[in-house]
N, C-alpha and C. Protein backbone atom coordinates (compact mmCIF):
# COMPACT_ATOMS: atom_id res chain seq x y z
N MET A 1 160.32 176.01 110.23
CA MET A 1 158.80 176.45 110.94
C MET A 1 158.69 177.57 109.99
N ILE A 2 159.03 178.65 109.10
CA ILE A 2 159.47 179.62 108.85
C ILE A 2 158.47 179.17 107.60
N LYS A 3 159.21 178.39 106.76
CA LYS A 3 158.54 177.87 105.67
C LYS A 3 156.72 177.53 105.89
N ARG A 4 156.99 176.75 107.16
CA ARG A 4 155.57 176.16 107.55
C ARG A 4 154.45 177.13 107.69
N LEU A 5 154.68 178.50 108.08
CA LEU A 5 154.06 179.17 108.57
C LEU A 5 153.39 179.99 106.89
N LEU A 6 154.55 180.12 105.99
CA LEU A 6 154.51 180.69 104.95
C LEU A 6 153.28 180.04 103.99
N SER A 7 153.90 178.83 103.52
CA SER A 7 152.81 177.66 103.45
C SER A 7 151.30 178.34 103.68
N LEU A 8 150.96 177.96 104.80
CA LEU A 8 149.51 178.49 105.64
C LEU A 8 149.41 179.51 105.33
N CYS A 9 149.78 180.40 105.28
CA CYS A 9 149.69 182.26 104.61
C CYS A 9 148.92 182.01 103.72
N VAL A 10 149.32 181.20 102.77
CA VAL A 10 149.69 181.27 101.04
C VAL A 10 148.21 180.42 101.07
N ILE A 11 148.31 179.25 101.85
CA ILE A 11 146.49 178.40 101.64
C ILE A 11 145.28 179.21 102.26
N CYS A 12 145.68 179.48 103.23
CA CYS A 12 144.78 180.57 103.56
C CYS A 12 144.16 181.82 102.46
N VAL A 13 144.73 182.39 102.42
CA VAL A 13 144.76 183.42 101.34
C VAL A 13 144.18 182.56 99.89
N PHE A 14 145.00 181.53 98.84
CA PHE A 14 144.32 181.11 98.08
C PHE A 14 142.48 180.45 98.21
N ALA A 15 142.19 179.98 99.55
CA ALA A 15 141.27 179.03 99.87
C ALA A 15 139.75 179.97 100.75
N THR A 16 140.34 181.08 100.52
CA THR A 16 138.85 182.46 100.39
C THR A 16 139.17 182.64 101.82
N GLY A 17 139.83 182.23 102.77
CA GLY A 17 139.27 182.06 104.51
C GLY A 17 139.18 181.13 105.10
N CYS A 18 140.01 180.81 106.40
CA CYS A 18 139.96 179.57 107.25
C CYS A 18 138.95 179.40 108.26
N ALA A 19 137.80 179.32 107.78
CA ALA A 19 136.55 179.75 108.87
C ALA A 19 135.92 178.44 109.05
N THR A 20 135.03 178.16 109.80
CA THR A 20 134.42 177.22 109.60
C THR A 20 133.04 177.30 108.76
N LYS A 21 132.19 176.35 107.56
CA LYS A 21 131.41 176.87 106.40
C LYS A 21 130.45 175.92 107.14
N SER A 22 129.26 176.28 106.97
CA SER A 22 128.27 175.34 107.50
C SER A 22 126.82 175.52 106.34
N LEU A 23 126.65 174.02 106.73
CA LEU A 23 125.99 173.09 105.48
C LEU A 23 124.37 172.75 105.91
N LYS A 24 123.35 173.07 105.25
CA LYS A 24 121.95 172.69 105.77
C LYS A 24 121.64 170.86 104.80
N VAL A 25 121.78 170.31 106.31
CA VAL A 25 121.34 168.75 105.67
C VAL A 25 119.71 168.60 105.68
N THR A 26 119.51 167.61 104.29
CA THR A 26 117.97 167.77 104.03
C THR A 26 117.81 166.05 104.24
N THR A 27 116.86 165.55 104.61
CA THR A 27 116.07 163.99 104.54
C THR A 27 115.01 164.04 103.72
N PRO A 28 115.13 163.14 102.81
CA PRO A 28 114.17 162.61 102.63
C PRO A 28 112.63 162.83 103.10
N ALA A 29 111.80 163.37 102.83
CA ALA A 29 110.27 162.82 103.23
C ALA A 29 109.89 161.94 102.60
N VAL A 30 108.96 161.56 104.16
CA VAL A 30 107.98 159.90 104.00
C VAL A 30 106.45 160.37 104.24
N LYS A 31 105.72 159.41 104.18
CA LYS A 31 104.60 159.69 104.36
C LYS A 31 104.00 158.26 105.51
N PRO A 32 102.81 158.68 106.54
CA PRO A 32 102.82 158.10 107.55
C PRO A 32 102.41 156.90 107.00
N PRO A 33 102.56 155.27 107.85
CA PRO A 33 102.22 154.04 107.21
C PRO A 33 100.84 153.99 107.11
N ALA A 34 100.13 153.33 105.79
CA ALA A 34 99.05 153.26 105.71
C ALA A 34 98.19 152.39 106.93
N THR A 35 99.28 151.21 107.26
CA THR A 35 98.68 150.58 108.47
C THR A 35 100.20 150.67 109.48
N VAL A 36 99.68 150.77 110.77
CA VAL A 36 101.16 150.48 111.31
C VAL A 36 101.80 149.50 112.14
N ILE A 37 102.80 149.06 111.93
CA ILE A 37 103.06 147.37 112.64
C ILE A 37 103.82 148.04 114.42
N GLY A 38 104.13 148.92 113.97
CA GLY A 38 104.22 149.26 115.46
C GLY A 38 104.68 150.43 116.07
N TYR A 39 105.15 150.71 117.15
CA TYR A 39 105.26 151.94 117.93
C TYR A 39 106.61 152.28 118.34
N VAL A 40 106.78 153.33 118.42
CA VAL A 40 108.57 153.02 118.69
C VAL A 40 108.85 154.38 119.22
N LYS A 41 109.85 154.65 120.61
CA LYS A 41 110.19 155.77 120.91
C LYS A 41 111.85 155.87 120.80
N ILE A 42 112.24 157.31 120.31
CA ILE A 42 113.59 157.12 120.29
C ILE A 42 114.39 157.77 121.69
N GLU A 43 115.04 157.24 122.48
CA GLU A 43 115.41 157.56 123.60
C GLU A 43 116.32 158.57 123.78
N ASN A 44 117.43 158.12 123.18
CA ASN A 44 118.92 158.91 123.21
C ASN A 44 119.29 158.29 121.85
N VAL A 45 120.58 159.28 121.64
CA VAL A 45 121.27 159.22 120.75
C VAL A 45 122.24 159.86 120.99
N LYS A 46 123.89 158.59 120.85
CA LYS A 46 124.76 158.73 120.89
C LYS A 46 125.87 159.12 120.03
N ASP A 47 126.89 159.74 119.85
CA ASP A 47 128.09 159.86 118.82
C ASP A 47 129.49 159.02 118.97
N PHE A 48 129.57 157.98 118.64
CA PHE A 48 130.75 157.64 118.73
C PHE A 48 131.49 157.70 117.60
N ARG A 49 131.72 159.01 116.94
CA ARG A 49 132.86 158.93 116.13
C ARG A 49 134.11 159.39 116.62
N ALA A 50 134.88 159.32 116.14
CA ALA A 50 136.32 159.03 116.90
C ALA A 50 137.04 160.21 116.50
N PHE A 51 137.32 161.30 116.76
CA PHE A 51 137.93 162.72 116.14
C PHE A 51 139.43 162.63 116.61
N SER A 52 140.55 162.77 115.32
CA SER A 52 141.69 162.79 115.78
C SER A 52 142.64 163.76 115.40
N VAL A 53 143.18 164.17 115.99
CA VAL A 53 144.53 164.67 115.44
C VAL A 53 145.32 165.38 114.58
N ALA A 54 144.89 165.88 113.43
CA ALA A 54 146.05 166.04 112.40
C ALA A 54 145.94 164.50 111.64
N PRO A 55 144.83 164.06 111.28
CA PRO A 55 144.57 162.52 110.58
C PRO A 55 145.22 162.89 109.22
N LYS A 56 146.31 162.13 108.98
CA LYS A 56 146.65 161.87 107.44
C LYS A 56 145.27 161.73 106.68
N ASP A 57 144.63 160.71 106.96
CA ASP A 57 143.54 160.33 106.20
C ASP A 57 142.30 161.39 106.33
N PRO A 58 142.17 161.64 105.38
CA PRO A 58 141.26 162.74 105.23
C PRO A 58 139.69 161.75 105.61
N ALA A 59 139.73 160.47 105.65
CA ALA A 59 138.45 160.47 106.06
C ALA A 59 137.54 159.96 107.05
N LEU A 60 138.96 160.40 108.26
CA LEU A 60 138.65 160.33 109.99
C LEU A 60 138.39 162.00 110.51
N PRO A 61 137.54 161.89 110.89
CA PRO A 61 137.11 163.29 111.53
C PRO A 61 138.12 164.14 112.18
N SER A 62 138.42 165.11 112.11
CA SER A 62 138.80 166.47 112.49
C SER A 62 138.83 167.63 112.54
N ILE A 63 139.14 168.24 113.87
CA ILE A 63 138.94 169.51 114.33
C ILE A 63 139.88 170.47 113.53
N GLU A 64 139.09 171.79 113.20
CA GLU A 64 140.33 173.05 112.85
C GLU A 64 141.01 173.39 114.00
N GLY A 65 142.49 173.35 114.30
CA GLY A 65 142.67 173.74 115.64
C GLY A 65 142.80 172.76 116.46
N ASP A 66 142.76 171.59 116.08
CA ASP A 66 142.57 170.37 116.81
C ASP A 66 142.16 170.08 118.25
N GLN A 67 140.87 171.21 118.03
CA GLN A 67 140.04 171.24 119.43
C GLN A 67 139.33 169.76 119.24
N ILE A 68 139.60 168.74 119.08
CA ILE A 68 138.63 167.72 119.20
C ILE A 68 137.81 167.10 120.20
N ASN A 69 138.52 167.21 121.20
CA ASN A 69 137.57 167.60 122.65
C ASN A 69 136.47 168.90 123.13
N ASP A 70 135.92 169.74 122.24
CA ASP A 70 135.27 170.80 122.55
C ASP A 70 134.25 170.60 121.82
N LYS A 71 133.25 169.49 122.42
CA LYS A 71 132.17 168.89 122.17
C LYS A 71 130.92 169.83 121.13
N LYS A 72 131.23 171.38 121.69
CA LYS A 72 130.29 172.22 120.65
C LYS A 72 131.09 172.45 119.43
N LEU A 73 131.90 171.57 119.65
CA LEU A 73 132.22 171.85 117.59
C LEU A 73 132.40 170.68 116.91
N THR A 74 132.60 169.64 117.66
CA THR A 74 132.65 168.14 117.18
C THR A 74 130.57 168.04 117.45
N ASP A 75 129.71 168.50 118.13
CA ASP A 75 128.85 168.10 117.99
C ASP A 75 128.07 168.55 116.73
N LYS A 76 128.59 169.99 116.19
CA LYS A 76 127.96 169.99 114.72
C LYS A 76 129.16 170.00 113.30
N SER A 77 130.60 169.08 113.83
CA SER A 77 130.80 169.01 112.64
C SER A 77 130.63 167.71 112.02
N ILE A 78 130.72 168.25 110.63
CA ILE A 78 130.60 166.94 109.43
C ILE A 78 131.55 166.74 108.60
N GLY A 79 132.52 167.53 108.45
CA GLY A 79 133.57 167.40 107.57
C GLY A 79 134.55 168.37 107.50
N ARG A 80 135.49 168.41 106.44
CA ARG A 80 136.63 168.77 106.31
C ARG A 80 136.96 169.50 105.18
N MET A 81 137.32 170.58 104.99
CA MET A 81 138.00 170.70 103.65
C MET A 81 139.60 170.92 103.70
N ARG A 82 139.92 170.65 102.52
CA ARG A 82 141.39 170.66 102.37
C ARG A 82 141.90 171.35 101.15
N HIS A 83 143.34 171.65 101.36
CA HIS A 83 143.98 172.29 99.83
C HIS A 83 143.94 171.55 98.79
N GLY A 84 143.93 171.87 98.23
CA GLY A 84 143.77 171.22 96.67
C GLY A 84 145.13 171.17 96.04
N MET A 85 146.06 171.96 96.51
CA MET A 85 147.55 171.87 95.99
C MET A 85 148.44 170.91 97.40
N PHE A 86 148.25 171.70 98.71
CA PHE A 86 149.21 171.05 99.64
C PHE A 86 148.43 169.80 100.90
N HIS A 87 147.54 169.99 100.14
CA HIS A 87 146.51 168.76 100.85
C HIS A 87 146.63 168.98 102.35
N ASN A 88 146.84 170.29 102.63
CA ASN A 88 146.59 170.38 104.30
C ASN A 88 145.06 170.49 104.63
N ALA A 89 144.90 170.13 106.00
CA ALA A 89 143.39 170.12 106.16
C ALA A 89 143.16 171.86 106.99
N LEU A 90 141.94 172.09 106.38
CA LEU A 90 141.91 173.37 106.76
C LEU A 90 140.48 173.84 107.46
N TRP A 91 139.58 174.24 106.92
CA TRP A 91 138.51 174.58 107.60
C TRP A 91 137.06 173.13 107.77
N ASN A 92 135.97 173.63 108.90
CA ASN A 92 135.38 172.56 109.24
C ASN A 92 134.47 172.74 108.42
N TYR A 93 133.24 171.77 107.91
CA TYR A 93 132.15 172.10 107.25
C TYR A 93 131.28 171.89 108.71
N SER A 94 130.35 172.70 109.29
CA SER A 94 129.46 172.11 110.49
C SER A 94 127.83 172.25 109.92
N LEU A 95 127.27 171.92 110.92
CA LEU A 95 125.65 172.00 110.34
C LEU A 95 124.89 173.22 110.55
N LYS A 96 123.94 173.74 109.74
CA LYS A 96 123.19 174.76 109.78
C LYS A 96 122.73 175.04 110.90
N ASP A 97 122.66 176.54 111.35
CA ASP A 97 122.03 176.67 112.72
C ASP A 97 122.10 176.09 113.52
N LYS A 98 120.75 175.29 114.23
CA LYS A 98 120.90 174.62 115.93
C LYS A 98 120.85 172.96 115.31
N GLU A 99 121.10 172.87 114.25
CA GLU A 99 121.00 171.24 114.03
C GLU A 99 122.23 170.73 114.80
N THR A 100 122.72 169.41 114.92
CA THR A 100 123.78 168.93 115.64
C THR A 100 123.61 167.31 115.23
N ILE A 101 124.82 167.09 115.47
CA ILE A 101 124.62 165.51 114.88
C ILE A 101 123.14 164.73 115.99
N TYR A 102 123.30 164.99 116.85
CA TYR A 102 121.90 164.22 117.31
C TYR A 102 120.58 164.37 116.59
N SER A 103 120.28 165.51 116.57
CA SER A 103 118.92 165.96 115.73
C SER A 103 119.08 165.73 114.45
N VAL A 104 119.94 165.46 113.54
CA VAL A 104 120.24 165.22 112.57
C VAL A 104 120.00 163.37 112.31
N SER A 105 120.72 162.73 113.30
CA SER A 105 120.79 161.91 113.31
C SER A 105 119.24 161.02 113.76
N GLU A 106 118.48 161.87 114.21
CA GLU A 106 117.09 161.19 114.88
C GLU A 106 116.19 161.48 114.14
N ARG A 107 116.88 162.60 113.41
CA ARG A 107 115.81 162.72 112.38
C ARG A 107 115.59 161.37 110.70
N ILE A 108 116.77 161.10 110.97
CA ILE A 108 117.26 160.25 109.32
C ILE A 108 116.45 158.31 110.39
N VAL A 109 116.55 158.59 111.66
CA VAL A 109 115.75 156.93 112.04
C VAL A 109 114.32 157.24 112.15
N SER A 110 114.00 158.51 112.46
CA SER A 110 112.32 158.53 112.58
C SER A 110 111.53 158.48 111.28
N ASN A 111 112.30 158.76 109.99
CA ASN A 111 111.67 158.52 108.93
C ASN A 111 111.90 157.33 108.28
N SER A 112 112.99 156.96 108.96
CA SER A 112 113.27 155.30 108.12
C SER A 112 112.58 154.11 109.10
N PHE A 113 112.16 154.43 110.37
CA PHE A 113 110.88 153.51 111.41
C PHE A 113 109.54 154.02 110.75
N THR A 114 109.47 155.17 109.88
CA THR A 114 107.95 155.92 108.87
C THR A 114 108.03 154.82 107.92
N ALA A 115 108.63 155.05 107.35
CA ALA A 115 109.11 154.39 106.09
C ALA A 115 108.63 152.86 105.77
N ALA A 116 109.24 152.48 107.26
CA ALA A 116 108.85 151.14 107.74
C ALA A 116 107.96 150.45 108.04
N GLY A 117 107.09 151.56 108.72
CA GLY A 117 105.22 150.98 109.13
C GLY A 117 105.41 151.55 110.40
N TYR A 118 106.25 151.67 111.39
CA TYR A 118 106.71 152.12 112.21
C TYR A 118 105.99 153.69 112.94
N GLN A 119 105.61 153.87 113.59
CA GLN A 119 105.30 154.91 113.98
C GLN A 119 105.54 155.30 115.15
N VAL A 120 106.71 156.59 114.95
CA VAL A 120 107.48 157.08 116.32
C VAL A 120 106.51 158.19 117.26
N VAL A 121 106.75 157.92 118.15
CA VAL A 121 105.70 158.62 119.07
C VAL A 121 106.63 159.56 120.03
N SER A 122 106.04 160.74 120.60
CA SER A 122 106.87 161.24 121.56
C SER A 122 105.87 161.27 123.21
N LYS A 123 106.56 162.26 123.89
CA LYS A 123 105.80 162.70 125.14
C LYS A 123 104.78 162.92 125.31
N GLY A 124 103.56 162.56 125.74
CA GLY A 124 102.28 162.82 125.41
C GLY A 124 101.03 162.14 124.48
N ASP A 125 102.11 161.49 123.92
CA ASP A 125 101.25 160.59 123.09
C ASP A 125 100.80 159.03 123.38
N ALA A 126 99.68 159.01 123.00
CA ALA A 126 98.51 158.01 123.75
C ALA A 126 99.33 156.37 123.42
N GLN A 127 100.33 156.45 123.03
CA GLN A 127 101.24 155.08 122.72
C GLN A 127 102.59 155.34 123.30
N TYR A 128 102.83 156.23 123.92
CA TYR A 128 104.10 156.42 124.36
C TYR A 128 104.86 155.47 125.97
N ASP A 129 103.43 155.38 126.38
CA ASP A 129 104.63 154.75 127.67
C ASP A 129 104.54 153.05 126.47
N SER A 130 103.74 152.48 125.79
CA SER A 130 104.22 151.27 125.82
C SER A 130 105.02 150.72 124.04
N ALA A 131 105.07 151.95 124.02
CA ALA A 131 105.98 152.09 122.59
C ALA A 131 107.59 151.72 122.61
N VAL A 132 108.19 150.59 122.14
CA VAL A 132 108.95 150.28 122.28
C VAL A 132 110.33 151.13 122.23
N PRO A 133 110.99 151.36 123.14
CA PRO A 133 112.65 152.33 123.39
C PRO A 133 113.28 151.55 122.52
N VAL A 134 113.77 152.90 121.54
CA VAL A 134 115.30 152.39 121.08
C VAL A 134 116.31 153.44 121.11
N SER A 135 117.55 153.39 121.15
CA SER A 135 118.58 154.42 121.36
C SER A 135 119.31 154.12 119.84
N VAL A 136 119.94 154.93 119.47
CA VAL A 136 120.86 155.78 117.51
C VAL A 136 122.15 155.36 118.59
N ASP A 137 123.33 154.80 117.74
CA ASP A 137 124.57 155.07 117.45
C ASP A 137 125.34 155.75 116.42
N VAL A 138 125.52 157.14 116.72
CA VAL A 138 126.33 157.45 115.60
C VAL A 138 128.11 156.97 115.19
N ILE A 139 127.94 155.88 114.22
CA ILE A 139 128.93 155.18 114.06
C ILE A 139 130.35 156.25 113.40
N GLN A 140 129.66 156.78 112.27
CA GLN A 140 130.07 157.73 111.39
C GLN A 140 129.12 158.96 110.88
N PHE A 141 129.57 160.00 110.61
CA PHE A 141 128.73 160.84 109.61
C PHE A 141 129.71 161.86 109.38
N TRP A 142 130.56 161.73 108.39
CA TRP A 142 131.86 162.36 107.87
C TRP A 142 131.94 162.58 106.04
N ALA A 143 132.19 164.13 105.48
CA ALA A 143 132.51 164.50 104.47
C ALA A 143 133.80 164.75 104.59
N TRP A 144 134.32 164.29 103.53
CA TRP A 144 135.95 164.36 102.91
C TRP A 144 136.13 164.46 101.40
N MET A 145 137.74 165.05 101.15
CA MET A 145 137.70 165.39 99.85
C MET A 145 139.41 164.64 99.81
N GLN A 146 139.59 164.41 98.42
CA GLN A 146 140.44 163.97 98.24
C GLN A 146 141.27 164.12 96.98
N PRO A 147 142.18 165.53 97.13
CA PRO A 147 142.76 166.02 96.19
C PRO A 147 143.52 165.00 94.94
N LYS A 148 142.91 165.24 93.65
CA LYS A 148 143.55 164.50 93.07
C LYS A 148 143.65 165.26 91.73
N PHE A 149 143.81 165.00 90.46
CA PHE A 149 144.00 165.87 88.98
C PHE A 149 142.23 166.46 89.10
N ASN A 150 141.48 165.60 89.21
CA ASN A 150 140.16 166.54 89.96
C ASN A 150 140.23 166.01 91.55
N ILE A 151 139.18 166.64 92.03
CA ILE A 151 139.17 166.36 93.12
C ILE A 151 137.59 165.39 93.63
N ASP A 152 138.04 164.73 94.49
CA ASP A 152 136.80 163.13 94.86
C ASP A 152 136.48 164.08 96.28
N LEU A 153 135.17 163.91 96.45
CA LEU A 153 134.49 164.37 97.20
C LEU A 153 133.57 163.54 97.95
N GLN A 154 133.52 162.60 99.19
CA GLN A 154 132.76 161.36 99.91
C GLN A 154 132.00 161.69 100.99
N PHE A 155 131.04 161.14 101.31
CA PHE A 155 130.80 161.14 102.33
C PHE A 155 130.27 159.85 102.88
N ASP A 156 130.72 159.37 104.04
CA ASP A 156 130.01 158.10 104.75
C ASP A 156 129.45 158.37 105.71
N GLY A 157 128.36 157.82 105.88
CA GLY A 157 127.42 157.78 107.36
C GLY A 157 126.76 156.06 107.90
N GLU A 158 127.19 156.32 108.64
CA GLU A 158 126.76 154.91 109.42
C GLU A 158 126.21 155.00 111.08
N LEU A 159 124.74 154.30 111.07
CA LEU A 159 124.26 154.18 112.06
C LEU A 159 123.45 153.36 112.58
N ALA A 160 123.78 152.73 113.89
CA ALA A 160 123.18 151.70 114.65
C ALA A 160 122.07 151.89 115.73
N VAL A 161 120.62 151.13 115.42
CA VAL A 161 119.89 151.41 116.01
C VAL A 161 119.56 150.09 116.91
N LYS A 162 119.11 150.27 118.37
CA LYS A 162 118.58 149.06 119.11
C LYS A 162 117.68 149.12 120.00
N SER A 163 116.71 148.25 120.18
CA SER A 163 115.68 148.43 121.14
C SER A 163 116.46 147.58 122.36
N LYS A 164 115.60 147.80 123.31
CA LYS A 164 116.22 147.58 124.98
C LYS A 164 115.79 145.98 125.20
N ASP A 165 114.98 145.91 124.18
CA ASP A 165 114.28 144.00 124.53
C ASP A 165 115.18 143.49 123.08
N ASN A 166 115.75 143.97 122.07
CA ASN A 166 116.77 143.36 121.14
C ASN A 166 115.40 143.00 120.01
N SER A 167 114.90 143.59 119.91
CA SER A 167 113.33 143.03 119.05
C SER A 167 113.68 143.87 118.03
N ILE A 168 114.72 144.83 118.09
CA ILE A 168 115.41 145.72 117.04
C ILE A 168 116.56 145.81 117.21
N ALA A 169 117.68 145.30 116.12
CA ALA A 169 118.99 145.82 115.89
C ALA A 169 119.55 145.73 114.88
N VAL A 170 119.80 146.77 114.46
CA VAL A 170 119.71 147.21 112.88
C VAL A 170 120.93 148.00 112.56
N THR A 171 122.29 148.26 111.58
CA THR A 171 123.18 149.16 111.10
C THR A 171 122.60 149.08 109.81
N ALA A 172 123.03 150.58 109.32
CA ALA A 172 123.14 150.71 107.68
C ALA A 172 123.80 151.69 107.78
N LYS A 173 124.36 151.88 106.79
CA LYS A 173 125.33 152.35 105.79
C LYS A 173 125.01 153.75 104.66
N GLY A 174 125.27 154.65 104.72
CA GLY A 174 125.14 155.56 103.02
C GLY A 174 126.64 155.86 102.92
N THR A 175 126.99 155.85 101.57
CA THR A 175 128.25 156.29 101.34
C THR A 175 127.63 156.96 99.69
N HIS A 176 128.36 158.34 99.53
CA HIS A 176 128.07 158.85 97.92
C HIS A 176 129.44 159.45 97.78
N MET A 177 129.99 159.33 96.95
CA MET A 177 131.21 160.08 96.35
C MET A 177 130.78 160.58 94.53
N PHE A 178 131.43 161.79 94.23
CA PHE A 178 131.49 161.90 92.83
C PHE A 178 132.96 163.33 93.09
N SER A 179 133.35 163.04 91.71
CA SER A 179 134.62 163.98 91.58
C SER A 179 134.11 165.46 90.85
N THR A 180 135.16 166.24 90.87
CA THR A 180 134.88 167.70 90.61
C THR A 180 135.74 168.39 90.21
N ALA A 181 135.51 169.44 89.65
CA ALA A 181 137.15 170.37 89.55
C ALA A 181 137.13 171.73 90.26
N PHE A 182 136.10 171.91 91.13
CA PHE A 182 136.15 172.55 92.09
C PHE A 182 134.79 172.33 93.93
N ALA A 183 135.79 172.34 94.12
CA ALA A 183 134.58 171.47 95.92
C ALA A 183 134.38 172.95 96.62
N GLY A 184 133.21 173.76 95.67
CA GLY A 184 132.37 174.62 96.78
C GLY A 184 131.56 174.09 97.45
N GLY A 185 131.17 175.33 97.89
CA GLY A 185 130.00 174.70 98.88
C GLY A 185 129.00 173.78 98.58
N GLY A 186 127.91 174.34 97.50
CA GLY A 186 127.15 173.57 96.81
C GLY A 186 127.07 172.17 96.96
N ASN A 187 128.64 171.88 96.36
CA ASN A 187 129.25 170.18 96.11
C ASN A 187 129.75 169.76 97.58
N TRP A 188 129.56 170.49 98.08
CA TRP A 188 129.75 169.60 99.44
C TRP A 188 128.34 169.30 100.43
N THR A 189 127.20 170.32 100.19
CA THR A 189 125.84 169.79 100.45
C THR A 189 125.38 168.96 99.73
N GLU A 190 125.60 169.07 98.19
CA GLU A 190 125.26 167.62 97.80
C GLU A 190 125.92 166.46 98.03
N VAL A 191 127.09 166.08 98.11
CA VAL A 191 127.68 164.97 98.51
C VAL A 191 127.10 164.54 99.84
N VAL A 192 126.74 165.41 100.83
CA VAL A 192 126.12 164.94 102.28
C VAL A 192 125.10 164.39 101.90
N ASN A 193 124.06 165.35 101.33
CA ASN A 193 122.57 164.98 101.04
C ASN A 193 122.09 163.46 100.25
N LYS A 194 123.09 163.60 98.90
CA LYS A 194 123.34 162.31 98.85
C LYS A 194 123.36 161.04 99.38
N GLY A 195 124.37 161.23 100.06
CA GLY A 195 124.90 160.17 101.01
C GLY A 195 123.56 159.91 101.76
N VAL A 196 123.01 160.99 102.74
CA VAL A 196 122.25 160.59 103.84
C VAL A 196 121.07 159.97 103.37
N GLU A 197 120.49 160.35 101.89
CA GLU A 197 119.34 159.82 101.19
C GLU A 197 119.41 158.12 101.14
N LYS A 198 121.11 157.60 100.91
CA LYS A 198 121.23 156.15 100.86
C LYS A 198 121.30 155.89 102.57
N LEU A 199 121.64 157.08 103.32
CA LEU A 199 121.90 155.99 104.71
C LEU A 199 120.43 155.73 104.75
N GLN A 200 119.31 156.75 104.80
CA GLN A 200 118.01 156.59 104.89
C GLN A 200 117.10 155.48 104.30
N ALA A 201 117.67 155.17 103.03
CA ALA A 201 116.88 154.51 102.49
C ALA A 201 117.83 152.94 102.95
N ASN A 202 118.97 152.86 102.88
CA ASN A 202 119.08 151.61 103.45
C ASN A 202 119.21 151.04 105.02
N LEU A 203 118.57 152.15 105.98
CA LEU A 203 118.54 151.94 106.95
C LEU A 203 116.76 151.34 107.06
N THR A 204 116.04 152.23 106.50
CA THR A 204 114.60 151.94 106.15
C THR A 204 114.27 150.46 105.43
N ASN A 205 115.36 149.98 104.70
CA ASN A 205 115.14 148.75 104.56
C ASN A 205 115.82 147.44 105.29
N GLU A 206 116.52 147.95 106.40
CA GLU A 206 116.90 146.75 107.65
C GLU A 206 115.73 146.96 107.82
N LEU A 207 114.94 147.97 108.43
CA LEU A 207 114.11 148.07 109.32
C LEU A 207 112.51 147.22 109.24
N LYS A 208 112.66 147.08 107.61
CA LYS A 208 111.56 146.34 107.02
C LYS A 208 111.88 145.36 107.06
N GLN A 209 112.41 144.69 107.22
CA GLN A 209 113.12 143.15 107.54
C GLN A 209 112.97 142.34 108.67
N VAL A 210 112.94 143.80 109.85
CA VAL A 210 112.62 142.97 111.22
C VAL A 210 111.70 142.03 111.80
N LYS A 211 111.07 142.75 111.15
CA LYS A 211 109.54 141.63 110.94
C LYS A 211 109.53 140.27 110.42
N GLU A 212 110.16 140.42 109.26
CA GLU A 212 110.55 139.48 108.69
C GLU A 212 111.40 138.14 109.10
N LYS A 213 112.16 138.96 110.04
CA LYS A 213 112.90 138.40 110.39
C LYS A 213 112.76 137.15 111.82
N ALA A 214 111.77 138.07 112.36
CA ALA A 214 111.47 137.41 113.83
C ALA A 214 110.64 136.19 113.21
N PRO A 215 111.24 135.41 114.23
CA PRO A 215 110.65 134.19 114.78
C PRO A 215 109.21 133.54 114.80
N LYS A 216 109.22 132.54 114.19
CA LYS A 216 107.44 132.36 114.29
C LYS A 216 107.29 131.54 115.32
N ASP A 217 106.14 131.26 115.42
CA ASP A 217 105.56 130.34 116.28
C ASP A 217 106.22 128.79 115.83
N LYS A 218 106.74 128.01 116.47
CA LYS A 218 107.12 127.00 116.37
C LYS A 218 105.99 126.02 117.25
N PRO A 219 105.76 124.87 115.79
CA PRO A 219 104.86 124.04 116.32
C PRO A 219 105.65 123.39 117.44
N THR A 220 104.53 122.73 118.46
CA THR A 220 105.03 121.61 119.56
C THR A 220 105.57 120.81 118.96
N ASP A 221 106.40 119.78 119.76
CA ASP A 221 106.68 118.76 119.69
C ASP A 221 105.95 117.92 119.73
N LYS A 222 105.01 118.47 121.41
CA LYS A 222 104.31 117.37 122.13
C LYS A 222 102.89 117.13 121.55
N GLN A 223 102.43 115.84 121.08
CA GLN A 223 100.90 115.59 120.49
C GLN A 223 99.81 115.66 121.50
N PRO A 224 98.92 116.02 121.08
CA PRO A 224 97.64 115.85 121.90
C PRO A 224 97.18 114.66 122.34
N MET A 225 97.38 114.78 123.84
CA MET A 225 96.72 113.28 123.81
C MET A 225 95.46 112.91 124.14
N GLU A 226 95.75 112.31 123.46
CA GLU A 226 94.45 110.88 123.10
C GLU A 226 93.67 110.40 124.58
N LYS A 227 92.23 110.52 124.06
CA LYS A 227 91.30 110.28 125.29
C LYS A 227 90.92 108.89 124.78
N GLU A 228 91.39 108.55 126.61
CA GLU A 228 91.26 106.64 126.49
C GLU A 228 89.50 106.33 126.02
N PRO A 229 89.47 105.47 125.03
CA PRO A 229 88.05 104.97 125.15
C PRO A 229 87.19 104.53 126.38
N LYS A 230 86.11 104.64 125.98
CA LYS A 230 84.97 104.69 127.48
C LYS A 230 85.37 103.21 127.78
N LYS A 231 85.19 102.75 129.08
CA LYS A 231 85.01 101.35 129.63
C LYS A 231 83.59 101.00 129.26
N LYS A 232 83.32 99.68 128.47
CA LYS A 232 81.52 99.43 128.47
C LYS A 232 81.75 98.94 130.09
N PRO A 233 80.58 99.28 130.60
CA PRO A 233 79.83 99.22 131.93
C PRO A 233 80.04 97.31 131.86
């Protein structure tokens, strides 16, 4: 027990402080479609990430102090630092300012719909009542590190988008990884934003295929009835 406490003290000293750090997540800008193929409204975003207590696998979301039931923490946490020598889990990386997993995920989905040719509408817009309502599930959104000879930094993201009428039902992933000798805040920001860029691009491609995969009007098997020839009087 004493050795463990000493190890933790050493870790915090050499890790420049055990405290949550913040990251600014940016999403690639998109242009409004020249031709709108449909109108959608994002009704809700749900976080289905499974947070674990002290997981050995760094790819599994976890919270410093094991406070995995504190939504104020989980709603903003998107990664966790580990010690390069001891591999102990240290502080969390959280979304900057007022951003949450819900606001960032909604922005990614909104941008993807726009890039795919849709128009995302909000309350007060003319098309709001008739727009297709969609929901977003956050399956994964996590940055993590694996200390080796160098440090492997990786981001894994996965979002599922579905409409109430099932006309839209897609899932997309985005992963980015690189090795570095020093895992500073800038490196974490880079791996997350590169991963988000891939996630948004992959989701855009999935949404573009929705119209292409839509069933076409099938020709009827019934042939038109031929009119009987008029009988001569």
